[in-house]
Protein backbone atom coordinates (compact mmCIF):
# COMPACT_ATOMS: atom_id res chain seq x y z
CA UNK A 1 -18.85 -8.82 45.11
CA UNK A 2 -19.95 -5.08 44.37
CA UNK A 3 -23.58 -4.21 45.09
CA UNK A 4 -25.92 -2.88 42.26
CA UNK A 5 -26.60 0.80 42.68
CA UNK A 6 -30.02 2.33 42.45
CA UNK A 7 -30.68 5.85 41.98
CA UNK A 8 -34.22 6.99 43.28
CA UNK A 9 -35.38 10.33 41.99
CA UNK A 10 -38.38 11.71 44.08
CA UNK A 11 -39.17 15.12 45.40
CA UNK A 12 -40.33 13.51 48.65
CA UNK A 13 -38.32 10.28 49.21
CA UNK A 14 -40.10 9.89 52.58
CA UNK A 15 -43.19 8.79 50.58
CA UNK A 16 -41.44 5.57 49.64
CA UNK A 17 -41.12 4.80 53.23
CA UNK A 18 -39.93 1.24 54.13
CA UNK A 19 -39.27 0.69 50.44
CA UNK A 20 -35.58 2.09 50.93
CA UNK A 21 -34.93 -0.53 53.74
CA UNK A 22 -36.50 -3.29 51.56
CA UNK A 23 -34.03 -2.46 48.64
CA UNK A 24 -30.95 -2.37 51.00
CA UNK A 25 -31.91 -5.63 52.55
CA UNK A 26 -32.28 -7.11 49.16
CA UNK A 27 -28.52 -6.13 48.53
CA UNK A 28 -28.75 -2.85 46.68
CA UNK A 29 -26.95 0.44 47.19
CA UNK A 30 -29.54 3.18 47.24
CA UNK A 31 -28.81 6.76 46.28
CA UNK A 32 -31.44 9.65 46.26
CA UNK A 33 -31.97 12.79 44.26
CA UNK A 34 -34.94 15.16 44.99
CA UNK A 35 -35.55 16.58 41.50
CA UNK A 36 -34.75 15.92 37.82
CA UNK A 37 -32.16 18.71 37.69
CA UNK A 38 -30.55 17.37 40.79
CA UNK A 39 -30.47 13.82 39.28
CA UNK A 40 -28.80 15.11 36.08
CA UNK A 41 -26.09 16.87 38.22
CA UNK A 42 -25.50 13.87 40.40
CA UNK A 43 -25.25 11.59 37.39
CA UNK A 44 -22.37 13.53 36.13
CA UNK A 45 -20.36 12.17 38.89
CA UNK A 46 -21.43 8.51 39.22
CA UNK A 47 -23.24 6.03 37.15
CA UNK A 48 -25.98 3.90 38.89
CA UNK A 49 -27.06 0.50 37.58
CA UNK A 50 -30.79 1.59 37.39
CA UNK A 51 -32.92 4.65 38.13
CA UNK A 52 -36.30 4.76 39.72
CA UNK A 53 -37.74 7.85 38.48
CA UNK A 54 -40.85 9.70 39.92
CA UNK A 55 -43.13 11.14 37.12
CA UNK A 56 -44.71 14.02 39.18
CA UNK A 57 -42.02 16.50 40.45
CA UNK A 58 -41.68 20.30 40.55
CA UNK A 59 -39.28 21.64 37.79
CA UNK A 60 -38.85 19.21 35.06
CA UNK A 61 -41.02 16.13 35.44
CA UNK A 62 -39.95 12.48 35.17
CA UNK A 63 -40.77 12.31 31.48
CA UNK A 64 -38.42 15.25 30.52
CA UNK A 65 -35.72 14.01 32.83
CA UNK A 66 -35.71 10.83 31.11
CA UNK A 67 -35.59 12.36 27.67
CA UNK A 68 -32.50 14.32 28.62
CA UNK A 69 -30.75 11.12 30.18
CA UNK A 70 -31.35 9.32 27.09
CA UNK A 71 -29.82 11.97 24.91
CA UNK A 72 -26.61 11.86 27.07
CA UNK A 73 -24.03 9.31 25.80
CA UNK A 74 -23.01 8.66 29.48
CA UNK A 75 -26.48 7.94 30.86
CA UNK A 76 -28.40 6.73 27.78
CA UNK A 77 -28.04 2.96 28.51
CA UNK A 78 -29.04 3.18 32.16
CA UNK A 79 -32.48 1.55 32.51
CA UNK A 80 -35.22 3.87 33.83
CA UNK A 81 -38.27 2.65 35.73
CA UNK A 82 -41.04 5.22 36.13
CA UNK A 83 -42.73 5.48 39.63
CA UNK A 84 -46.15 6.86 39.14
CA UNK A 85 -49.70 6.91 40.25
CA UNK A 86 -50.85 7.68 36.73
CA UNK A 87 -52.66 4.56 35.48
CA UNK A 88 -53.80 5.94 32.24
CA UNK A 89 -52.60 4.12 29.20
CA UNK A 90 -51.72 7.48 27.44
CA UNK A 91 -49.36 8.20 30.39
CA UNK A 92 -47.69 4.76 30.21
CA UNK A 93 -47.15 5.22 26.42
CA UNK A 94 -45.67 8.67 27.06
CA UNK A 95 -43.14 7.15 29.54
CA UNK A 96 -42.01 4.42 26.93
CA UNK A 97 -41.63 7.03 24.30
CA UNK A 98 -39.51 9.15 26.64
CA UNK A 99 -37.08 6.23 26.86
CA UNK A 100 -38.41 4.43 30.05
CA UNK A 101 -37.94 0.69 30.35
CA UNK A 102 -40.68 -0.04 32.69
CA UNK A 103 -43.23 1.50 35.31
CA UNK A 104 -44.37 0.72 38.89
CA UNK A 105 -47.76 1.98 40.00
CA UNK A 106 -48.09 3.63 43.38
CA UNK A 107 -49.00 2.22 45.80
CA UNK A 108 -46.82 -0.77 44.80
CA UNK A 109 -46.15 -4.21 46.09
CA UNK A 110 -42.48 -4.53 47.10
CA UNK A 111 -42.05 -7.88 45.87
CA UNK A 112 -43.37 -6.98 42.45
CA UNK A 113 -41.18 -3.99 42.32
CA UNK A 114 -38.12 -6.01 43.29
CA UNK A 115 -38.93 -8.64 40.52
CA UNK A 116 -39.14 -5.78 37.88
CA UNK A 117 -35.85 -4.14 39.20
CA UNK A 118 -34.03 -7.40 39.21
CA UNK A 119 -35.24 -8.32 35.82
CA UNK A 120 -34.05 -5.18 34.11
CA UNK A 121 -30.64 -5.44 35.94
CA UNK A 122 -30.42 -8.87 34.61
CA UNK A 123 -31.23 -7.72 31.15
CA UNK A 124 -28.73 -4.90 31.53
CA UNK A 125 -25.94 -7.16 32.59
CA UNK A 126 -26.84 -9.57 29.69
CA UNK A 127 -26.61 -6.71 27.17
CA UNK A 128 -23.30 -5.64 28.77
CA UNK A 129 -21.98 -9.16 28.36
CA UNK A 130 -23.25 -9.28 24.77
CA UNK A 131 -21.48 -6.01 24.05
CA UNK A 132 -18.28 -7.31 25.57
CA UNK A 133 -18.61 -10.42 23.57
CA UNK A 134 -19.13 -8.45 20.39
CA UNK A 135 -16.05 -6.24 21.23
CA UNK A 136 -14.06 -9.58 21.66
CA UNK A 137 -15.36 -10.90 18.48
CA UNK A 138 -14.66 -7.68 16.53
CA UNK A 139 -11.20 -7.81 17.96
CA UNK A 140 -10.83 -11.39 16.79
CA UNK A 141 -12.25 -10.59 13.53
CA UNK A 142 -9.83 -7.74 13.06
CA UNK A 143 -7.03 -9.99 14.00
CA UNK A 144 -8.10 -12.47 11.39
CA UNK A 145 -8.44 -9.81 8.80
CA UNK A 146 -4.93 -8.71 9.84
CA UNK A 147 -3.63 -12.22 9.37
CA UNK A 148 -5.32 -12.67 5.94
CA UNK A 149 -3.77 -9.29 4.77
CA UNK A 150 -0.33 -10.54 6.04
CA UNK A 151 -1.01 -13.94 4.22
CA UNK A 152 -1.81 -11.92 1.07
CA UNK A 153 1.32 -9.94 1.30
CA UNK A 154 3.32 -13.12 1.86
CA UNK A 155 1.64 -14.69 -1.03
CA UNK A 156 2.54 -11.64 -3.20
CA UNK A 157 6.13 -11.78 -1.93
CA UNK A 158 6.22 -15.46 -2.88
CA UNK A 159 4.87 -14.82 -6.43
CA UNK A 160 7.46 -12.03 -6.88
CA UNK A 161 10.33 -14.31 -5.62
CA UNK A 162 9.04 -16.99 -7.91
CA UNK A 163 9.05 -14.67 -10.94
CA UNK A 164 12.48 -13.43 -10.01
CA UNK A 165 13.72 -16.99 -9.79
CA UNK A 166 12.10 -17.71 -13.21
CA UNK A 167 13.59 -14.44 -14.75
CA UNK A 168 16.95 -15.45 -13.35
CA UNK A 169 16.76 -18.85 -15.09
CA UNK A 170 15.60 -17.33 -18.18
CA UNK A 171 18.36 -14.76 -18.08
CA UNK A 172 21.12 -17.37 -17.41
CA UNK A 173 19.91 -19.63 -20.08
CA UNK A 174 19.35 -16.81 -22.74
CA UNK A 175 20.97 -13.58 -21.98
CA UNK A 176 24.19 -15.21 -20.79
CA UNK A 177 24.30 -18.12 -23.08
CA UNK A 178 23.77 -16.39 -26.32
CA UNK A 179 26.98 -14.18 -25.99
CA UNK A 180 28.86 -17.01 -24.58
CA UNK A 181 27.95 -19.19 -27.46
CA UNK A 182 29.00 -16.53 -29.83
CA UNK A 183 32.28 -16.02 -27.92
CA UNK A 184 32.99 -19.81 -27.96
CA UNK A 185 31.83 -20.12 -31.66
CA UNK A 186 33.98 -17.19 -32.90
CA UNK A 187 37.00 -18.65 -31.08
CA UNK A 188 36.76 -22.04 -32.62
CA UNK A 189 36.34 -20.56 -36.09
CA UNK A 190 39.32 -18.40 -35.75
CA UNK A 191 41.45 -21.13 -34.33
CA UNK A 192 40.42 -23.55 -37.14
CA UNK A 193 41.03 -21.18 -39.88
CA UNK A 194 43.71 -18.87 -38.56
CA UNK A 195 46.36 -19.93 -41.13
CA UNK A 196 43.97 -19.07 -43.97
CA UNK A 197 42.86 -15.57 -42.84
CA UNK A 198 44.35 -12.34 -44.05
CA UNK A 199 45.41 -9.69 -41.52
CA UNK A 200 42.04 -7.82 -42.19
CA UNK A 201 40.06 -10.80 -41.57
CA UNK A 202 41.80 -11.60 -38.34
CA UNK A 203 41.20 -8.07 -37.12
CA UNK A 204 37.69 -8.32 -38.07
CA UNK A 205 37.16 -11.55 -36.20
CA UNK A 206 38.97 -10.21 -33.13
CA UNK A 207 36.48 -7.28 -33.08
CA UNK A 208 33.70 -9.79 -33.21
CA UNK A 209 35.24 -11.64 -30.33
CA UNK A 210 35.54 -8.31 -28.46
CA UNK A 211 31.80 -7.50 -29.00
CA UNK A 212 30.75 -10.93 -27.84
CA UNK A 213 32.97 -10.58 -24.68
CA UNK A 214 31.54 -7.19 -24.08
CA UNK A 215 28.00 -8.39 -24.37
CA UNK A 216 28.74 -11.10 -21.88
CA UNK A 217 30.47 -8.67 -19.58
CA UNK A 218 27.43 -6.38 -19.71
CA UNK A 219 25.06 -9.23 -19.10
CA UNK A 220 27.00 -10.34 -16.20
CA UNK A 221 27.16 -6.96 -14.73
CA UNK A 222 23.26 -6.68 -15.07
CA UNK A 223 22.94 -10.00 -13.17
CA UNK A 224 25.36 -8.96 -10.41
CA UNK A 225 23.60 -5.54 -9.92
CA UNK A 226 20.09 -7.01 -10.09
CA UNK A 227 20.99 -9.66 -7.56
CA UNK A 228 22.40 -6.94 -5.13
CA UNK A 229 19.14 -5.04 -5.58
CA UNK A 230 17.03 -8.10 -4.62
CA UNK A 231 19.24 -8.67 -1.55
CA UNK A 232 19.17 -4.96 -0.80
CA UNK A 233 22.94 -4.76 -0.71
CA UNK A 234 23.48 -2.26 -3.45
CA UNK A 235 24.77 1.09 -2.13
CA UNK A 236 23.06 4.16 -3.10
CA UNK A 237 25.45 7.04 -3.37
CA UNK A 238 23.79 10.17 -4.96
CA UNK A 239 25.77 13.01 -6.13
CA UNK A 240 25.61 16.07 -8.62
CA UNK A 241 25.54 14.31 -11.87
CA UNK A 242 26.16 16.17 -15.13
CA UNK A 243 24.06 14.41 -17.86
CA UNK A 244 25.88 16.19 -20.74
CA UNK A 245 29.09 14.41 -19.54
CA UNK A 246 27.22 11.07 -19.18
CA UNK A 247 25.71 11.28 -22.58
CA UNK A 248 29.22 12.06 -24.32
CA UNK A 249 30.76 9.25 -22.59
CA UNK A 250 28.11 6.71 -23.73
CA UNK A 251 28.29 8.15 -27.37
CA UNK A 252 32.05 7.42 -27.22
CA UNK A 253 31.58 4.02 -25.64
CA UNK A 254 29.08 2.81 -28.16
CA UNK A 255 30.56 4.56 -31.36
CA UNK A 256 32.44 1.48 -32.55
CA UNK A 257 29.24 -0.85 -32.26
CA UNK A 258 27.21 2.08 -33.93
CA UNK A 259 29.83 2.32 -36.75
CA UNK A 260 29.64 -1.40 -37.35
CA UNK A 261 25.92 -1.31 -37.96
CA UNK A 262 26.17 2.05 -39.89
CA UNK A 263 24.12 3.79 -37.20
CA UNK A 264 24.30 7.46 -36.35
CA UNK A 265 24.72 7.84 -32.54
CA UNK A 266 24.46 11.47 -31.34
CA UNK A 267 23.75 13.47 -28.13
CA UNK A 268 21.60 16.55 -28.34
CA UNK A 269 22.62 17.72 -24.89
CA UNK A 270 24.64 20.82 -25.59
CA UNK A 271 25.05 22.21 -22.05
CA UNK A 272 25.66 21.19 -18.50
CA UNK A 273 22.44 19.75 -16.91
CA UNK A 274 22.86 18.67 -13.36
CA UNK A 275 20.74 15.72 -11.79
CA UNK A 276 20.96 14.39 -8.18
CA UNK A 277 21.69 10.63 -8.75
CA UNK A 278 24.00 7.71 -8.34
CA UNK A 279 26.68 7.75 -11.09
CA UNK A 280 27.20 3.77 -11.18
CA UNK A 281 23.39 3.31 -11.42
CA UNK A 282 22.58 5.81 -14.13
CA UNK A 283 25.53 4.63 -16.07
CA UNK A 284 24.10 1.14 -16.01
CA UNK A 285 20.66 2.42 -17.13
CA UNK A 286 22.23 4.44 -19.91
CA UNK A 287 24.19 1.50 -21.12
CA UNK A 288 21.21 -0.92 -21.17
CA UNK A 289 19.07 1.66 -23.12
CA UNK A 290 21.66 2.71 -25.75
CA UNK A 291 22.60 -0.92 -26.21
CA UNK A 292 18.97 -1.75 -26.88
CA UNK A 293 18.44 1.12 -29.27
CA UNK A 294 21.47 -0.09 -31.23
CA UNK A 295 20.34 -3.70 -31.28
CA UNK A 296 16.76 -3.01 -32.57
CA UNK A 297 17.81 -0.13 -35.13
CA UNK A 298 18.66 -1.21 -38.70
CA UNK A 299 21.46 0.10 -40.71
CA UNK A 300 21.53 3.85 -41.58
CA UNK A 301 19.16 4.49 -38.61
CA UNK A 302 19.71 6.90 -35.85
CA UNK A 303 20.01 6.76 -31.91
CA UNK A 304 19.83 9.92 -30.07
CA UNK A 305 20.51 10.76 -26.30
CA UNK A 306 18.58 13.81 -25.15
CA UNK A 307 17.60 15.52 -21.84
CA UNK A 308 15.50 18.48 -20.76
CA UNK A 309 14.56 19.98 -17.48
CA UNK A 310 10.96 20.02 -16.26
CA UNK A 311 9.30 21.76 -13.41
CA UNK A 312 10.60 19.44 -10.66
CA UNK A 313 13.00 16.81 -12.47
CA UNK A 314 15.12 16.28 -15.42
CA UNK A 315 13.76 14.00 -18.26
CA UNK A 316 16.32 11.89 -20.10
CA UNK A 317 15.42 10.23 -23.49
CA UNK A 318 17.08 7.54 -25.46
CA UNK A 319 15.42 7.53 -29.04
CA UNK A 320 15.82 5.21 -32.10
CA UNK A 321 14.45 4.88 -35.48
CA UNK A 322 14.26 1.15 -35.12
CA UNK A 323 11.63 -1.49 -35.50
CA UNK A 324 9.46 -0.28 -32.79
CA UNK A 325 7.31 -2.14 -30.11
CA UNK A 326 3.64 -2.94 -30.51
CA UNK A 327 1.06 -1.48 -28.19
CA UNK A 328 0.14 -4.81 -26.77
CA UNK A 329 3.72 -5.42 -25.67
CA UNK A 330 4.38 -2.12 -24.05
CA UNK A 331 2.93 -3.02 -20.61
CA UNK A 332 5.20 -6.08 -20.27
CA UNK A 333 8.55 -4.26 -21.11
CA UNK A 334 9.35 -3.69 -17.24
CA UNK A 335 7.55 -6.54 -15.96
CA UNK A 336 9.47 -9.37 -14.21
CA UNK A 337 7.34 -12.05 -15.89
CA UNK A 338 9.03 -13.40 -18.83
CA UNK A 339 7.03 -12.54 -22.08
CA UNK A 340 8.51 -12.94 -25.67
CA UNK A 341 7.86 -10.18 -27.96
CA UNK A 342 7.95 -10.43 -31.83
CA UNK A 343 9.99 -8.39 -33.84
CA UNK A 344 8.79 -7.46 -37.48
CA UNK A 345 10.82 -10.36 -38.83
CA UNK A 346 8.72 -12.78 -36.83
CA UNK A 347 11.51 -13.73 -34.50
CA UNK A 348 10.69 -13.92 -30.93
CA UNK A 349 13.08 -11.74 -28.67
CA UNK A 350 12.88 -12.13 -25.01
CA UNK A 351 12.54 -9.36 -22.60
CA UNK A 352 16.01 -9.60 -21.01
CA UNK A 353 17.07 -8.38 -17.42
CA UNK A 354 18.24 -5.03 -18.77
CA UNK A 355 14.83 -3.07 -18.85
CA UNK A 356 13.76 -4.49 -15.44
CA UNK A 357 17.11 -3.31 -13.96
CA UNK A 358 16.61 0.07 -15.69
CA UNK A 359 13.18 0.32 -13.88
CA UNK A 360 14.47 -0.67 -10.53
CA UNK A 361 17.63 1.55 -10.72
CA UNK A 362 15.59 4.56 -11.75
CA UNK A 363 13.17 4.11 -9.09
CA UNK A 364 16.02 3.74 -6.55
CA UNK A 365 17.01 7.28 -7.65
CA UNK A 366 13.58 8.71 -7.17
CA UNK A 367 12.47 8.84 -10.85
CA UNK A 368 10.19 6.90 -13.28
CA UNK A 369 10.74 5.32 -16.56
CA UNK A 370 8.51 4.67 -19.50
CA UNK A 371 8.39 3.88 -23.17
CA UNK A 372 6.91 5.50 -26.23
CA UNK A 373 7.03 3.45 -29.33
CA UNK A 374 5.23 2.90 -32.71
CA UNK A 375 5.88 -0.20 -34.86
CA UNK A 376 8.31 0.35 -37.70
CA UNK A 377 8.84 3.94 -36.83
CA UNK A 378 11.09 3.71 -33.71
CA UNK A 379 11.00 3.84 -29.90
CA UNK A 380 11.99 6.30 -27.09
CA UNK A 381 12.68 5.28 -23.57
CA UNK A 382 12.37 8.22 -21.14
CA UNK A 383 13.17 8.30 -17.53
CA UNK A 384 13.26 11.20 -14.91
CA UNK A 385 15.80 12.09 -12.15
CA UNK A 386 15.68 14.64 -9.42
CA UNK A 387 17.38 17.92 -10.08
CA UNK A 388 20.65 18.45 -8.31
CA UNK A 389 20.33 20.06 -4.92
């Protein structure tokens, strides 16, 4: 077992005489410094367990030496016991104010001195044990907090997965079921009344079948893409994307649906505007936004695709003159939680998977998406994309 080390600071160590031998016989390692300055230099190289410090010394006295030791981070915790022949109370107080832990009066009884030294070393050891235990407790507390944070994260993940599951069930029962019911219903009606229809009526019903089938296909594609996003298996292949061409493509794609509702569908992008994005993902975003705009716009309304460059991105907008969205419903448009929203007819329209998918795809491409709307005046969905490299 390592012996405790005591540093004695005295300008004339011989004055302590037999006390050196007494301390060594008691099981201590004893070191000596002959001045306060010498003690400070010596303490830069080793750290004793306790310091016996004479008060009256040439150069800096014991009080000043103690003050300096207590200002040093390395030596401030070493207990200092003053060795002094000063018995005045003022001097004792001065020693304690300087940072001393105790004092021994000259001439002193060896047994008493040993008891005082042993007591302070014991207190120092206990204090060190307390610090070590506190450090262990702090580590355990930090570990507990870390585990709490992990549990909180897991809880959020579980809530997210549960919301995804509920959204999936809602989507299957609503977004897929409605176009499927339309498709089946139109098919039955056409088959039952085929011999009574004129050529024009047959063509009109076939167009309805085609529209229902396209809605079902689009909903199915949304589901497949969203599921791939949740599994993180959807490939992201960014390229230089001309938004003018993307807009023209979607105008042509949705013109039949727009004409059927007597809605004017146009693009105001009249020149090449290049973004850095995944073509397939942005096509899905545009299809959902244009489809929604046509869905909630009444006859003789307008739907417009626009885009403009900003300082560090390109901003795309799909605007309509439709029924609009109330302010209280706007925060829930892109939320995974299902929240029905009322149209002005009083009919409750569910938030489908489309807008949620749009948000995830836009963010996958490094952009943001938001909605600006006013009841009965129309809606504009905007999203940003990085500029082409």
